[in-house]
Amino acid sequence: MLQSIDGKIAGGFFREKQTLELAKIYSDISKDYNGDAIIYGTTTAKEMFFKF
């Protein structure tokens, strides 16, 4: 999971070069595990699935 230093899981920091590199590493590791599911918290689920 990626989050900012203040604990937020959304924001402009996701566009930073270093964050994009870390997101790629996270994605690669996640794919290696070949999991059957992903668990999202309430905040993430609302942001990803309930766009108004």
PDB file of N, CA and C in Angstrom:
ATOM      1  N   MET A   1       0.844  -1.177   0.000  1.00  0.00           N
ATOM      2  CA  MET A   1       0.000   0.000   0.000  1.00  0.00           C
ATOM      3  C   MET A   1       0.880   1.227   0.000  1.00  0.00           C
ATOM      4  N   LEU A   2       0.459   2.210  -0.764  1.00  0.00           N
ATOM      5  CA  LEU A   2       1.166   3.485  -0.805  1.00  0.00           C
ATOM      6  C   LEU A   2       0.341   4.546  -0.097  1.00  0.00           C
ATOM      7  N   GLN A   3       1.012   5.356   0.692  1.00  0.00           N
ATOM      8  CA  GLN A   3       0.336   6.462   1.353  1.00  0.00           C
ATOM      9  C   GLN A   3       1.326   7.588   1.556  1.00  0.00           C
ATOM     10  N   SER A   4       0.814   8.780   1.762  1.00  0.00           N
ATOM     11  CA  SER A   4       1.680   9.924   1.994  1.00  0.00           C
ATOM     12  C   SER A   4       2.203   9.882   3.423  1.00  0.00           C
ATOM     13  N   ILE A   5       3.155  10.736   3.718  1.00  0.00           N
ATOM     14  CA  ILE A   5       3.755  10.744   5.054  1.00  0.00           C
ATOM     15  C   ILE A   5       2.738  11.129   6.129  1.00  0.00           C
ATOM     16  N   ASP A   6       1.691  11.859   5.739  1.00  0.00           N
ATOM     17  CA  ASP A   6       0.661  12.217   6.714  1.00  0.00           C
ATOM     18  C   ASP A   6      -0.466  11.185   6.787  1.00  0.00           C
ATOM     19  N   GLY A   7      -0.281  10.048   6.099  1.00  0.00           N
ATOM     20  CA  GLY A   7      -1.230   8.954   6.189  1.00  0.00           C
ATOM     21  C   GLY A   7      -2.336   8.967   5.157  1.00  0.00           C
ATOM     22  N   LYS A   8      -2.388   9.999   4.336  1.00  0.00           N
ATOM     23  CA  LYS A   8      -3.441  10.062   3.324  1.00  0.00           C
ATOM     24  C   LYS A   8      -3.135   9.072   2.203  1.00  0.00           C
ATOM     25  N   ILE A   9      -4.186   8.498   1.639  1.00  0.00           N
ATOM     26  CA  ILE A   9      -4.000   7.506   0.581  1.00  0.00           C
ATOM     27  C   ILE A   9      -4.390   8.044  -0.788  1.00  0.00           C
ATOM     28  N   ALA A  10      -4.651   9.341  -0.856  1.00  0.00           N
ATOM     29  CA  ALA A  10      -4.998   9.975  -2.124  1.00  0.00           C
ATOM     30  C   ALA A  10      -4.341  11.349  -2.170  1.00  0.00           C
ATOM     31  N   GLY A  11      -4.116  11.827  -3.371  1.00  0.00           N
ATOM     32  CA  GLY A  11      -3.568  13.167  -3.493  1.00  0.00           C
ATOM     33  C   GLY A  11      -2.556  13.278  -4.611  1.00  0.00           C
ATOM     34  N   GLY A  12      -2.023  14.470  -4.753  1.00  0.00           N
ATOM     35  CA  GLY A  12      -1.084  14.776  -5.823  1.00  0.00           C
ATOM     36  C   GLY A  12       0.229  14.012  -5.765  1.00  0.00           C
ATOM     37  N   PHE A  13       0.574  13.500  -4.591  1.00  0.00           N
ATOM     38  CA  PHE A  13       1.849  12.785  -4.467  1.00  0.00           C
ATOM     39  C   PHE A  13       1.904  11.545  -5.350  1.00  0.00           C
ATOM     40  N   PHE A  14       0.743  11.039  -5.774  1.00  0.00           N
ATOM     41  CA  PHE A  14       0.733   9.865  -6.646  1.00  0.00           C
ATOM     42  C   PHE A  14       1.278  10.171  -8.034  1.00  0.00           C
ATOM     43  N   ARG A  15       1.413  11.442  -8.388  1.00  0.00           N
ATOM     44  CA  ARG A  15       1.963  11.814  -9.692  1.00  0.00           C
ATOM     45  C   ARG A  15       3.478  12.029  -9.658  1.00  0.00           C
ATOM     46  N   GLU A  16       4.058  11.969  -8.471  1.00  0.00           N
ATOM     47  CA  GLU A  16       5.508  12.165  -8.334  1.00  0.00           C
ATOM     48  C   GLU A  16       6.266  10.971  -8.913  1.00  0.00           C
ATOM     49  N   LYS A  17       7.429  11.246  -9.481  1.00  0.00           N
ATOM     50  CA  LYS A  17       8.233  10.197 -10.127  1.00  0.00           C
ATOM     51  C   LYS A  17       8.537   9.046  -9.161  1.00  0.00           C
ATOM     52  N   GLN A  18       8.972   9.375  -7.961  1.00  0.00           N
ATOM     53  CA  GLN A  18       9.330   8.325  -6.996  1.00  0.00           C
ATOM     54  C   GLN A  18       8.111   7.472  -6.617  1.00  0.00           C
ATOM     55  N   THR A  19       6.965   8.103  -6.486  1.00  0.00           N
ATOM     56  CA  THR A  19       5.757   7.355  -6.144  1.00  0.00           C
ATOM     57  C   THR A  19       5.363   6.418  -7.274  1.00  0.00           C
ATOM     58  N   LEU A  20       5.476   6.888  -8.506  1.00  0.00           N
ATOM     59  CA  LEU A  20       5.157   6.047  -9.651  1.00  0.00           C
ATOM     60  C   LEU A  20       6.087   4.836  -9.718  1.00  0.00           C
ATOM     61  N   GLU A  21       7.363   5.041  -9.393  1.00  0.00           N
ATOM     62  CA  GLU A  21       8.318   3.927  -9.382  1.00  0.00           C
ATOM     63  C   GLU A  21       7.943   2.911  -8.292  1.00  0.00           C
ATOM     64  N   LEU A  22       7.572   3.403  -7.114  1.00  0.00           N
ATOM     65  CA  LEU A  22       7.176   2.506  -6.026  1.00  0.00           C
ATOM     66  C   LEU A  22       5.872   1.783  -6.353  1.00  0.00           C
ATOM     67  N   ALA A  23       4.958   2.468  -7.007  1.00  0.00           N
ATOM     68  CA  ALA A  23       3.692   1.832  -7.400  1.00  0.00           C
ATOM     69  C   ALA A  23       3.948   0.689  -8.375  1.00  0.00           C
ATOM     70  N   LYS A  24       4.905   0.847  -9.253  1.00  0.00           N
ATOM     71  CA  LYS A  24       5.268  -0.204 -10.213  1.00  0.00           C
ATOM     72  C   LYS A  24       5.822  -1.422  -9.467  1.00  0.00           C
ATOM     73  N   ILE A  25       6.703  -1.188  -8.508  1.00  0.00           N
ATOM     74  CA  ILE A  25       7.269  -2.280  -7.711  1.00  0.00           C
ATOM     75  C   ILE A  25       6.157  -3.005  -6.953  1.00  0.00           C
ATOM     76  N   TYR A  26       5.274  -2.231  -6.332  1.00  0.00           N
ATOM     77  CA  TYR A  26       4.144  -2.818  -5.598  1.00  0.00           C
ATOM     78  C   TYR A  26       3.287  -3.677  -6.522  1.00  0.00           C
ATOM     79  N   SER A  27       3.005  -3.157  -7.707  1.00  0.00           N
ATOM     80  CA  SER A  27       2.186  -3.888  -8.679  1.00  0.00           C
ATOM     81  C   SER A  27       2.858  -5.194  -9.098  1.00  0.00           C
ATOM     82  N   ASP A  28       4.155  -5.143  -9.346  1.00  0.00           N
ATOM     83  CA  ASP A  28       4.880  -6.351  -9.747  1.00  0.00           C
ATOM     84  C   ASP A  28       4.839  -7.417  -8.651  1.00  0.00           C
ATOM     85  N   ILE A  29       5.060  -7.006  -7.419  1.00  0.00           N
ATOM     86  CA  ILE A  29       5.028  -7.956  -6.297  1.00  0.00           C
ATOM     87  C   ILE A  29       3.627  -8.536  -6.149  1.00  0.00           C
ATOM     88  N   SER A  30       2.625  -7.662  -6.259  1.00  0.00           N
ATOM     89  CA  SER A  30       1.238  -8.109  -6.148  1.00  0.00           C
ATOM     90  C   SER A  30       0.901  -9.163  -7.198  1.00  0.00           C
ATOM     91  N   LYS A  31       1.357  -8.959  -8.410  1.00  0.00           N
ATOM     92  CA  LYS A  31       1.110  -9.922  -9.493  1.00  0.00           C
ATOM     93  C   LYS A  31       1.807 -11.247  -9.216  1.00  0.00           C
ATOM     94  N   ASP A  32       3.005 -11.202  -8.620  1.00  0.00           N
ATOM     95  CA  ASP A  32       3.740 -12.421  -8.298  1.00  0.00           C
ATOM     96  C   ASP A  32       2.967 -13.322  -7.330  1.00  0.00           C
ATOM     97  N   TYR A  33       2.218 -12.710  -6.417  1.00  0.00           N
ATOM     98  CA  TYR A  33       1.447 -13.490  -5.453  1.00  0.00           C
ATOM     99  C   TYR A  33       0.213 -14.125  -6.069  1.00  0.00           C
ATOM    100  N   ASN A  34      -0.250 -13.581  -7.188  1.00  0.00           N
ATOM    101  CA  ASN A  34      -1.386 -14.149  -7.917  1.00  0.00           C
ATOM    102  C   ASN A  34      -2.591 -14.386  -6.999  1.00  0.00           C
ATOM    103  N   GLY A  35      -2.925 -13.373  -6.200  1.00  0.00           N
ATOM    104  CA  GLY A  35      -4.033 -13.486  -5.255  1.00  0.00           C
ATOM    105  C   GLY A  35      -5.389 -13.563  -5.941  1.00  0.00           C
ATOM    106  N   ASP A  36      -6.357 -14.091  -5.221  1.00  0.00           N
ATOM    107  CA  ASP A  36      -7.713 -14.239  -5.732  1.00  0.00           C
ATOM    108  C   ASP A  36      -8.584 -13.012  -5.463  1.00  0.00           C
ATOM    109  N   ALA A  37      -8.134 -12.103  -4.584  1.00  0.00           N
ATOM    110  CA  ALA A  37      -8.978 -10.979  -4.197  1.00  0.00           C
ATOM    111  C   ALA A  37      -8.114  -9.796  -3.773  1.00  0.00           C
ATOM    112  N   ILE A  38      -8.761  -8.653  -3.702  1.00  0.00           N
ATOM    113  CA  ILE A  38      -8.139  -7.431  -3.189  1.00  0.00           C
ATOM    114  C   ILE A  38      -9.077  -6.881  -2.135  1.00  0.00           C
ATOM    115  N   ILE A  39      -8.527  -6.466  -1.020  1.00  0.00           N
ATOM    116  CA  ILE A  39      -9.338  -5.876   0.039  1.00  0.00           C
ATOM    117  C   ILE A  39      -9.099  -4.368   0.044  1.00  0.00           C
ATOM    118  N   TYR A  40     -10.192  -3.616  -0.036  1.00  0.00           N
ATOM    119  CA  TYR A  40     -10.119  -2.161   0.026  1.00  0.00           C
ATOM    120  C   TYR A  40     -10.796  -1.692   1.302  1.00  0.00           C
ATOM    121  N   GLY A  41     -10.257  -0.638   1.880  1.00  0.00           N
ATOM    122  CA  GLY A  41     -10.917   0.011   3.004  1.00  0.00           C
ATOM    123  C   GLY A  41     -12.032   0.912   2.502  1.00  0.00           C
ATOM    124  N   THR A  42     -12.810   1.431   3.418  1.00  0.00           N
ATOM    125  CA  THR A  42     -13.957   2.263   3.066  1.00  0.00           C
ATOM    126  C   THR A  42     -13.554   3.491   2.248  1.00  0.00           C
ATOM    127  N   THR A  43     -12.532   4.190   2.682  1.00  0.00           N
ATOM    128  CA  THR A  43     -12.109   5.409   1.992  1.00  0.00           C
ATOM    129  C   THR A  43     -11.681   5.109   0.566  1.00  0.00           C
ATOM    130  N   THR A  44     -10.882   4.089   0.385  1.00  0.00           N
ATOM    131  CA  THR A  44     -10.411   3.724  -0.950  1.00  0.00           C
ATOM    132  C   THR A  44     -11.567   3.276  -1.835  1.00  0.00           C
ATOM    133  N   ALA A  45     -12.447   2.440  -1.308  1.00  0.00           N
ATOM    134  CA  ALA A  45     -13.580   1.955  -2.093  1.00  0.00           C
ATOM    135  C   ALA A  45     -14.467   3.111  -2.542  1.00  0.00           C
ATOM    136  N   LYS A  46     -14.748   4.040  -1.645  1.00  0.00           N
ATOM    137  CA  LYS A  46     -15.577   5.191  -2.013  1.00  0.00           C
ATOM    138  C   LYS A  46     -14.914   6.001  -3.114  1.00  0.00           C
ATOM    139  N   GLU A  47     -13.620   6.211  -3.001  1.00  0.00           N
ATOM    140  CA  GLU A  47     -12.914   7.016  -3.987  1.00  0.00           C
ATOM    141  C   GLU A  47     -12.850   6.307  -5.352  1.00  0.00           C
ATOM    142  N   MET A  48     -12.685   5.006  -5.333  1.00  0.00           N
ATOM    143  CA  MET A  48     -12.515   4.255  -6.585  1.00  0.00           C
ATOM    144  C   MET A  48     -13.829   3.922  -7.278  1.00  0.00           C
ATOM    145  N   PHE A  49     -14.872   3.667  -6.519  1.00  0.00           N
ATOM    146  CA  PHE A  49     -16.088   3.109  -7.086  1.00  0.00           C
ATOM    147  C   PHE A  49     -17.313   4.008  -7.038  1.00  0.00           C
ATOM    148  N   PHE A  50     -17.262   5.090  -6.289  1.00  0.00           N
ATOM    149  CA  PHE A  50     -18.442   5.939  -6.146  1.00  0.00           C
ATOM    150  C   PHE A  50     -18.124   7.370  -6.569  1.00  0.00           C
ATOM    151  N   LYS A  51     -17.875   7.560  -7.850  1.00  0.00           N
ATOM    152  CA  LYS A  51     -17.611   8.883  -8.392  1.00  0.00           C
ATOM    153  C   LYS A  51     -18.936   9.573  -8.678  1.00  0.00           C
ATOM    154  N   PHE A  52     -19.117  10.740  -8.126  1.00  0.00           N
ATOM    155  CA  PHE A  52     -20.349  11.489  -8.369  1.00  0.00           C
ATOM    156  C   PHE A  52     -20.082  12.703  -9.220  1.00  0.00           C
TER     157      PHE A  52
END
